[in-house]
Amino acid sequence: MLQARRIDEVNLIGTCNVLDSCVKCGVKRLVFTSSYNVVFGGQQIVNGDENMGYFPAETHLDSYGRCKALAEQLVLKSNGRLLKSKDGYKLHTCAIRPAAVYGPHEEYHVPRFLNLAQKGIFMYYIGGAEVKTDWLYVDNLVQALLLASMGLIDDIPGRQRAPACGQAYFISDGAAVNSFKFMQPLMEGLGYQLPCRQLSVKSAMMFAWIFWGLYGLMYPWLDKAWLPQPPILPAEVHKVGITHNFSILKARQQLGYVPYVGPKEGLQRTLEFWRMKQIKELRSPELFIWIAIIGGMILTFCCAFLPPPYMGIFEWIRRVALFIFRSQKVVQAVFVLACIAHLGEGLYAWLLARKVDPANSKGWFWQTVALGFPSLRLLIRRSQGGG
């Protein structure tokens, strides 16, 4: 969401290219996958509908909502555009505005929650329990896209016109729910606990803008694999902390849309998918464990082998180490023994992983060499059937 240029290229330039290709190649129907963000920008909305106007482009908190709104308008205004390769035929377009999507292979919303929980930094829920938003199971989204495509057909016997032409539709499971409450069965089923402490929207926005600023400074490296995603961004605070839900009545009446999979079944399918995915992946300890152990090993090395002037502001740590261990040679021995212990645990993890998780055996080795027992503990739990 921070890479504004890429978002513009995909959602604006990409949409223009798709429309031009449809006209050039004679494609008669185009269904655009839009977003709730075209009308939502932080204001409370209860049971909204398609009569709502677009949220002002200049006041969107991120480029995504602005670009989606502009692209949707471009698509809908292209309805009725003449095709070049077919005499008299026109392009029929419509837009689907899906809620937050979840389900197997969904790559943003659920992974975002799980990633924060796995790192141990999912410590607060945002907003009150009364905040209600919509969710959409992926099969229901596919169903809506197919129905919208059928709604653009203008030559069905007995039908006067294509009902979906030039129209936009909100699509969801039809049951507004608190996002954190919604995620609870999934999180607990995977061994994570939802936070019990509340953070106000105002406080969450303060942290979100801080992360936005920090990651803005690292813009050239945002697409690098080594740079983790920011914990929270301003637009995400609004998505989970402010009530906004919409009616699907128009989609029911004009497209015949009825959610095929209910939320309970959809969450169960999602849980089964992530359980299988979790078994196949390298499980990693929380972020604070990485920081504590790697940082501790680096500081121990510095205390053991660097001459006094080079510790700088951390010289007091050396003094504490010498006070505990009495001499620098003992500190050096402690560091060497810790390295040997980590290496031994890494070798044991590699041998055990070859039996219970051979695809990730090298990863278990290097992670355990770096972290020691906290990593080995996760592998032992997996060998005992604990995931």
Protein backbone atom coordinates (compact mmCIF):
# COMPACT_ATOMS: atom_id res chain seq x y z
CA MET A 1 0.00 0.00 0.00
CA LEU A 2 3.05 2.30 0.27
CA GLN A 3 4.25 1.88 -3.31
CA ALA A 4 2.07 4.56 -4.89
CA ARG A 5 3.68 4.38 -8.34
CA ARG A 6 3.16 0.63 -8.62
CA ILE A 7 -0.44 0.94 -7.40
CA ASP A 8 -1.08 3.58 -10.08
CA GLU A 9 0.50 1.40 -12.76
CA VAL A 10 -1.57 -1.65 -11.86
CA ASN A 11 -4.93 -0.06 -11.12
CA LEU A 12 -5.00 2.89 -13.53
CA ILE A 13 -2.64 2.19 -16.41
CA GLY A 14 -3.41 -1.53 -16.20
CA THR A 15 -7.16 -0.89 -16.34
CA CYS A 16 -6.74 1.40 -19.35
CA ASN A 17 -4.75 -1.33 -21.10
CA VAL A 18 -7.43 -3.92 -20.37
CA LEU A 19 -10.20 -1.66 -21.70
CA ASP A 20 -8.24 -0.85 -24.87
CA SER A 21 -7.51 -4.56 -25.41
CA CYS A 22 -11.19 -5.42 -25.02
CA VAL A 23 -12.14 -2.86 -27.67
CA LYS A 24 -9.35 -3.93 -30.01
CA CYS A 25 -9.93 -7.68 -29.69
CA GLY A 26 -13.72 -7.64 -29.65
CA VAL A 27 -14.28 -8.71 -26.05
CA LYS A 28 -17.92 -7.94 -25.26
CA ARG A 29 -18.04 -8.30 -21.46
CA LEU A 30 -15.77 -6.98 -18.71
CA VAL A 31 -16.31 -7.43 -14.96
CA PHE A 32 -14.07 -5.18 -12.88
CA THR A 33 -13.07 -6.28 -9.37
CA SER A 34 -13.31 -3.08 -7.36
CA SER A 35 -13.25 -2.46 -3.60
CA TYR A 36 -15.24 -1.11 -0.66
CA ASN A 37 -12.61 1.62 -0.56
CA VAL A 38 -14.17 3.44 -3.50
CA VAL A 39 -16.83 4.81 -1.11
CA PHE A 40 -15.22 4.21 2.29
CA GLY A 41 -12.48 6.43 3.66
CA GLY A 42 -12.85 6.35 7.42
CA GLN A 43 -16.46 7.46 7.92
CA GLN A 44 -18.97 5.17 9.66
CA ILE A 45 -21.32 3.40 7.24
CA VAL A 46 -24.15 1.11 8.34
CA ASN A 47 -25.97 -0.94 5.68
CA GLY A 48 -24.76 1.32 2.89
CA ASP A 49 -25.76 0.78 -0.72
CA GLU A 50 -24.74 1.57 -4.28
CA ASN A 51 -26.44 4.98 -4.24
CA MET A 52 -23.57 6.35 -2.15
CA GLY A 53 -21.18 8.66 -3.95
CA TYR A 54 -17.48 8.04 -4.36
CA PHE A 55 -15.23 9.07 -1.49
CA PRO A 56 -13.35 12.24 -2.48
CA ALA A 57 -10.15 11.21 -4.25
CA GLU A 58 -8.01 13.90 -2.60
CA THR A 59 -8.90 12.76 0.95
CA HIS A 60 -8.08 9.04 0.64
CA LEU A 61 -5.43 7.92 3.13
CA ASP A 62 -3.63 5.76 0.58
CA SER A 63 -3.21 5.41 -3.16
CA TYR A 64 -5.11 2.13 -3.34
CA GLY A 65 -8.57 3.53 -2.54
CA ARG A 66 -8.07 6.52 -4.82
CA CYS A 67 -6.86 4.42 -7.74
CA LYS A 68 -9.63 1.85 -7.33
CA ALA A 69 -12.27 4.60 -7.37
CA LEU A 70 -10.84 6.22 -10.50
CA ALA A 71 -10.43 2.86 -12.25
CA GLU A 72 -13.99 1.81 -11.42
CA GLN A 73 -15.40 5.02 -12.82
CA LEU A 74 -13.33 4.55 -15.96
CA VAL A 75 -14.68 1.01 -16.41
CA LEU A 76 -18.32 1.94 -15.82
CA LYS A 77 -18.12 4.92 -18.17
CA SER A 78 -16.68 2.60 -20.84
CA ASN A 79 -19.94 0.66 -20.87
CA GLY A 80 -21.40 0.92 -24.37
CA ARG A 81 -18.05 1.64 -26.01
CA LEU A 82 -18.00 0.42 -29.63
CA LEU A 83 -15.78 -2.54 -30.43
CA LYS A 84 -13.37 -2.19 -33.35
CA SER A 85 -13.41 -5.77 -34.60
CA LYS A 86 -17.19 -6.40 -34.58
CA ASP A 87 -19.73 -4.27 -36.44
CA GLY A 88 -22.27 -2.71 -34.14
CA TYR A 89 -21.23 -4.62 -31.01
CA LYS A 90 -20.50 -2.75 -27.81
CA LEU A 91 -18.47 -3.40 -24.70
CA HIS A 92 -20.60 -4.13 -21.62
CA THR A 93 -19.01 -3.46 -18.24
CA CYS A 94 -19.86 -3.64 -14.55
CA ALA A 95 -18.02 -3.61 -11.23
CA ILE A 96 -18.01 -5.93 -8.23
CA ARG A 97 -17.10 -4.35 -4.89
CA PRO A 98 -16.03 -7.24 -2.65
CA ALA A 99 -15.68 -7.08 1.11
CA ALA A 100 -12.49 -8.30 2.81
CA VAL A 101 -11.82 -11.67 1.20
CA TYR A 102 -10.85 -14.80 3.14
CA GLY A 103 -10.43 -18.46 2.26
CA PRO A 104 -7.83 -20.92 0.93
CA HIS A 105 -4.99 -19.27 -1.01
CA GLU A 106 -6.15 -15.73 -0.12
CA GLU A 107 -2.92 -13.76 0.18
CA TYR A 108 -3.57 -10.57 2.11
CA HIS A 109 -6.15 -10.36 4.92
CA VAL A 110 -5.80 -13.67 6.77
CA PRO A 111 -2.01 -13.90 6.24
CA ARG A 112 -1.74 -10.37 7.67
CA PHE A 113 -3.43 -11.42 10.92
CA LEU A 114 -1.46 -14.67 11.16
CA ASN A 115 1.88 -13.01 10.40
CA LEU A 116 1.43 -10.54 13.25
CA ALA A 117 0.38 -13.35 15.62
CA GLN A 118 3.34 -15.54 14.66
CA LYS A 119 5.79 -12.70 15.30
CA GLY A 120 4.25 -12.09 18.71
CA ILE A 121 3.35 -8.45 17.97
CA PHE A 122 -0.43 -8.91 17.75
CA MET A 123 -0.94 -7.35 21.18
CA TYR A 124 -4.04 -5.15 20.81
CA TYR A 125 -7.36 -5.14 19.02
CA ILE A 126 -8.46 -1.84 17.52
CA GLY A 127 -11.79 -0.20 18.23
CA GLY A 128 -14.66 -1.56 20.30
CA ALA A 129 -16.58 -4.81 20.06
CA GLU A 130 -19.44 -2.90 18.43
CA VAL A 131 -17.41 -2.25 15.26
CA LYS A 132 -18.94 -4.32 12.42
CA THR A 133 -17.51 -4.91 8.96
CA ASP A 134 -18.19 -7.33 6.10
CA TRP A 135 -16.20 -10.38 5.02
CA LEU A 136 -16.44 -12.45 1.85
CA TYR A 137 -15.50 -16.09 1.35
CA VAL A 138 -13.51 -16.61 -1.84
CA ASP A 139 -16.03 -19.05 -3.40
CA ASN A 140 -18.76 -16.46 -2.95
CA LEU A 141 -16.58 -13.93 -4.75
CA VAL A 142 -16.14 -16.32 -7.68
CA GLN A 143 -19.89 -16.91 -7.74
CA ALA A 144 -20.54 -13.15 -7.83
CA LEU A 145 -18.08 -12.64 -10.70
CA LEU A 146 -19.77 -15.36 -12.75
CA LEU A 147 -23.24 -13.96 -12.07
CA ALA A 148 -22.05 -10.46 -12.99
CA SER A 149 -20.63 -11.79 -16.25
CA MET A 150 -23.97 -13.43 -17.02
CA GLY A 151 -25.71 -10.18 -16.15
CA LEU A 152 -23.86 -8.48 -19.00
CA ILE A 153 -25.25 -10.83 -21.68
CA ASP A 154 -27.67 -8.85 -23.85
CA ASP A 155 -29.01 -11.56 -26.16
CA ILE A 156 -30.76 -13.94 -23.75
CA PRO A 157 -34.27 -14.77 -25.06
CA GLY A 158 -37.02 -13.20 -22.97
CA ARG A 159 -34.76 -10.61 -21.33
CA GLN A 160 -35.14 -7.04 -22.56
CA ARG A 161 -31.70 -5.82 -21.50
CA ALA A 162 -28.55 -6.82 -19.65
CA PRO A 163 -29.25 -5.74 -16.04
CA ALA A 164 -25.61 -5.40 -14.96
CA CYS A 165 -24.48 -3.00 -17.70
CA GLY A 166 -22.83 0.06 -16.18
CA GLN A 167 -23.67 -1.04 -12.63
CA ALA A 168 -21.67 -1.58 -9.44
CA TYR A 169 -22.51 -4.16 -6.76
CA PHE A 170 -21.44 -4.66 -3.16
CA ILE A 171 -20.67 -8.31 -2.45
CA SER A 172 -20.19 -9.98 0.94
CA ASP A 173 -21.27 -12.99 2.98
CA GLY A 174 -24.21 -10.87 4.09
CA ALA A 175 -23.39 -10.89 7.81
CA ALA A 176 -21.52 -7.93 9.29
CA VAL A 177 -19.24 -8.93 12.16
CA ASN A 178 -16.39 -7.58 14.27
CA SER A 179 -13.16 -8.45 12.42
CA PHE A 180 -11.28 -9.59 15.53
CA LYS A 181 -14.21 -11.69 16.72
CA PHE A 182 -14.51 -13.12 13.22
CA MET A 183 -10.87 -14.19 13.25
CA GLN A 184 -11.01 -15.78 16.71
CA PRO A 185 -11.92 -19.38 15.66
CA LEU A 186 -9.21 -19.35 13.00
CA MET A 187 -6.52 -17.92 15.23
CA GLU A 188 -7.27 -20.25 18.15
CA GLY A 189 -7.47 -23.23 15.79
CA LEU A 190 -3.91 -22.51 14.69
CA GLY A 191 -2.60 -22.11 18.23
CA TYR A 192 -2.61 -18.32 18.51
CA GLN A 193 -4.41 -16.13 21.02
CA LEU A 194 -6.25 -12.98 20.08
CA PRO A 195 -5.25 -9.91 22.10
CA CYS A 196 -7.50 -8.97 25.01
CA ARG A 197 -6.31 -5.36 25.31
CA GLN A 198 -8.05 -2.62 23.36
CA LEU A 199 -6.38 0.20 21.47
CA SER A 200 -8.44 3.20 20.44
CA VAL A 201 -8.63 4.20 16.80
CA LYS A 202 -6.91 7.49 17.62
CA SER A 203 -3.97 5.77 19.32
CA ALA A 204 -3.73 3.14 16.57
CA MET A 205 -3.64 5.91 13.95
CA MET A 206 -0.72 7.52 15.76
CA PHE A 207 1.31 4.30 15.56
CA ALA A 208 0.17 3.71 11.98
CA TRP A 209 1.42 7.11 10.83
CA ILE A 210 4.75 6.47 12.55
CA PHE A 211 5.16 3.21 10.62
CA TRP A 212 4.01 4.95 7.45
CA GLY A 213 6.73 7.57 7.91
CA LEU A 214 9.46 5.04 8.74
CA TYR A 215 8.65 2.82 5.78
CA GLY A 216 8.34 5.86 3.55
CA LEU A 217 12.01 6.55 4.26
CA MET A 218 12.77 3.00 3.09
CA TYR A 219 10.79 3.36 -0.14
CA PRO A 220 13.59 2.04 -2.45
CA TRP A 221 13.64 -1.26 -0.56
CA LEU A 222 9.91 -1.86 -0.04
CA ASP A 223 9.84 -4.75 -2.49
CA LYS A 224 12.82 -6.53 -0.91
CA ALA A 225 12.13 -9.87 0.77
CA TRP A 226 14.28 -9.02 3.79
CA LEU A 227 12.14 -6.03 4.73
CA PRO A 228 9.08 -7.11 6.77
CA GLN A 229 5.69 -5.57 6.21
CA PRO A 230 4.75 -2.68 8.55
CA PRO A 231 2.61 -3.90 11.46
CA ILE A 232 -0.20 -1.45 10.69
CA LEU A 233 -0.94 1.39 8.28
CA PRO A 234 -3.50 4.22 8.51
CA ALA A 235 -5.99 2.79 6.01
CA GLU A 236 -5.88 -0.57 7.81
CA VAL A 237 -6.80 1.10 11.10
CA HIS A 238 -9.96 2.41 9.48
CA LYS A 239 -10.73 -0.99 7.95
CA VAL A 240 -10.74 -2.84 11.28
CA GLY A 241 -11.56 -0.03 13.71
CA ILE A 242 -14.52 1.78 12.11
CA THR A 243 -17.91 0.28 11.30
CA HIS A 244 -18.61 0.04 7.57
CA ASN A 245 -20.92 -2.55 6.10
CA PHE A 246 -23.10 -2.66 3.01
CA SER A 247 -26.30 -4.23 1.77
CA ILE A 248 -26.14 -6.91 -0.92
CA LEU A 249 -29.80 -6.41 -1.87
CA LYS A 250 -29.02 -4.97 -5.32
CA ALA A 251 -26.83 -7.98 -6.15
CA ARG A 252 -29.60 -10.32 -4.96
CA GLN A 253 -32.27 -8.63 -7.04
CA GLN A 254 -30.37 -7.96 -10.26
CA LEU A 255 -27.82 -10.80 -10.34
CA GLY A 256 -29.51 -13.47 -8.25
CA TYR A 257 -26.54 -13.49 -5.85
CA VAL A 258 -27.01 -15.54 -2.69
CA PRO A 259 -23.88 -16.45 -0.67
CA TYR A 260 -23.06 -20.05 -1.54
CA VAL A 261 -20.86 -20.66 1.52
CA GLY A 262 -21.73 -19.34 4.98
CA PRO A 263 -19.18 -17.74 7.31
CA LYS A 264 -18.99 -20.76 9.64
CA GLU A 265 -18.25 -23.20 6.82
CA GLY A 266 -15.93 -20.72 5.13
CA LEU A 267 -13.86 -20.28 8.29
CA GLN A 268 -13.67 -24.05 8.77
CA ARG A 269 -12.38 -24.53 5.23
CA THR A 270 -9.89 -21.71 5.76
CA LEU A 271 -8.70 -23.27 9.03
CA GLU A 272 -8.15 -26.65 7.36
CA PHE A 273 -6.15 -25.00 4.58
CA TRP A 274 -3.91 -23.11 6.99
CA ARG A 275 -3.36 -26.17 9.16
CA MET A 276 -2.06 -28.07 6.15
CA LYS A 277 0.02 -25.07 5.06
CA GLN A 278 1.42 -24.67 8.56
CA ILE A 279 2.58 -28.29 8.59
CA LYS A 280 4.48 -27.79 5.34
CA GLU A 281 6.20 -24.55 6.34
CA LEU A 282 9.11 -23.71 8.58
CA ARG A 283 7.67 -22.46 11.87
CA SER A 284 9.49 -19.47 13.32
CA PRO A 285 9.57 -18.13 16.91
CA GLU A 286 8.26 -14.69 17.81
CA LEU A 287 10.11 -11.58 16.70
CA PHE A 288 11.22 -10.62 20.21
CA ILE A 289 12.99 -14.01 20.56
CA TRP A 290 14.99 -13.29 17.39
CA ILE A 291 15.92 -9.85 18.68
CA ALA A 292 16.80 -11.07 22.17
CA ILE A 293 18.95 -14.06 21.12
CA ILE A 294 20.72 -12.57 18.11
CA GLY A 295 21.25 -9.30 19.96
CA GLY A 296 22.49 -11.18 23.02
CA MET A 297 24.98 -13.22 21.00
CA ILE A 298 26.33 -10.09 19.28
CA LEU A 299 26.73 -8.25 22.58
CA THR A 300 28.40 -11.28 24.18
CA PHE A 301 30.86 -11.46 21.29
CA CYS A 302 31.65 -7.75 21.69
CA CYS A 303 32.14 -8.10 25.44
CA ALA A 304 34.40 -11.11 24.94
CA PHE A 305 36.64 -10.01 22.07
CA LEU A 306 36.47 -6.26 21.43
CA PRO A 307 38.96 -3.99 23.22
CA PRO A 308 37.36 -1.58 25.73
CA PRO A 309 37.24 1.59 23.57
CA TYR A 310 35.16 -0.06 20.83
CA MET A 311 32.06 -0.80 22.92
CA GLY A 312 31.10 2.86 22.98
CA ILE A 313 27.76 3.47 24.69
CA PHE A 314 27.51 -0.28 25.43
CA GLU A 315 30.60 -0.30 27.62
CA TRP A 316 28.36 -0.66 30.67
CA ILE A 317 27.26 -4.08 29.33
CA ARG A 318 30.87 -5.25 29.36
CA ARG A 319 31.19 -4.09 32.96
CA VAL A 320 28.09 -6.05 33.94
CA ALA A 321 29.45 -9.14 32.15
CA LEU A 322 32.82 -8.82 33.93
CA PHE A 323 31.06 -8.33 37.25
CA ILE A 324 29.11 -11.58 36.72
CA PHE A 325 31.84 -13.73 35.17
CA ARG A 326 34.85 -12.06 36.87
CA SER A 327 37.18 -12.13 33.85
CA GLN A 328 37.15 -11.58 30.10
CA LYS A 329 38.45 -15.10 29.47
CA VAL A 330 35.37 -16.53 31.18
CA VAL A 331 33.16 -14.30 28.99
CA GLN A 332 35.01 -15.62 25.94
CA ALA A 333 34.46 -19.19 27.13
CA VAL A 334 30.75 -18.50 27.63
CA PHE A 335 30.45 -17.22 24.06
CA VAL A 336 32.32 -20.20 22.59
CA LEU A 337 30.23 -22.67 24.62
CA ALA A 338 27.02 -20.93 23.51
CA CYS A 339 28.11 -21.24 19.86
CA ILE A 340 28.93 -24.94 20.33
CA ALA A 341 25.54 -25.50 22.01
CA HIS A 342 23.71 -23.75 19.15
CA LEU A 343 25.63 -25.78 16.58
CA GLY A 344 24.83 -29.03 18.42
CA GLU A 345 21.14 -28.12 18.62
CA GLY A 346 21.23 -27.23 14.94
CA LEU A 347 22.65 -30.64 14.00
CA TYR A 348 20.03 -32.39 16.13
CA ALA A 349 17.31 -30.26 14.51
CA TRP A 350 18.60 -31.20 11.05
CA LEU A 351 18.53 -34.93 11.86
CA LEU A 352 15.07 -34.70 13.41
CA ALA A 353 13.73 -32.58 10.54
CA ARG A 354 14.90 -35.16 8.00
CA LYS A 355 12.35 -37.50 9.58
CA VAL A 356 9.41 -35.19 10.30
CA ASP A 357 9.87 -32.26 7.85
CA PRO A 358 12.47 -33.17 5.20
CA ALA A 359 11.48 -30.34 2.85
CA ASN A 360 12.55 -27.77 5.46
CA SER A 361 15.46 -29.62 7.07
CA LYS A 362 18.06 -27.03 6.00
CA GLY A 363 15.85 -24.22 7.21
CA TRP A 364 15.41 -25.88 10.61
CA PHE A 365 19.19 -26.33 10.83
CA TRP A 366 20.08 -22.69 10.17
CA GLN A 367 17.24 -21.31 12.27
CA THR A 368 18.23 -23.51 15.22
CA VAL A 369 21.90 -22.59 14.84
CA ALA A 370 20.84 -18.96 15.12
CA LEU A 371 18.26 -19.28 17.90
CA GLY A 372 19.01 -22.50 19.73
CA PHE A 373 16.31 -24.14 21.84
CA PRO A 374 13.39 -21.77 21.00
CA SER A 375 13.60 -23.03 17.41
CA LEU A 376 14.29 -26.64 18.38
CA ARG A 377 11.26 -26.60 20.70
CA LEU A 378 8.96 -25.84 17.75
CA LEU A 379 10.41 -28.72 15.75
CA ILE A 380 10.03 -31.14 18.66
CA ARG A 381 6.40 -30.06 19.02
CA ARG A 382 5.85 -30.76 15.32
CA SER A 383 7.44 -34.20 15.66
CA GLN A 384 4.93 -34.94 18.42
CA GLY A 385 2.02 -33.96 16.19
CA GLY A 386 1.56 -30.46 17.55
CA GLY A 387 1.91 -28.61 14.22
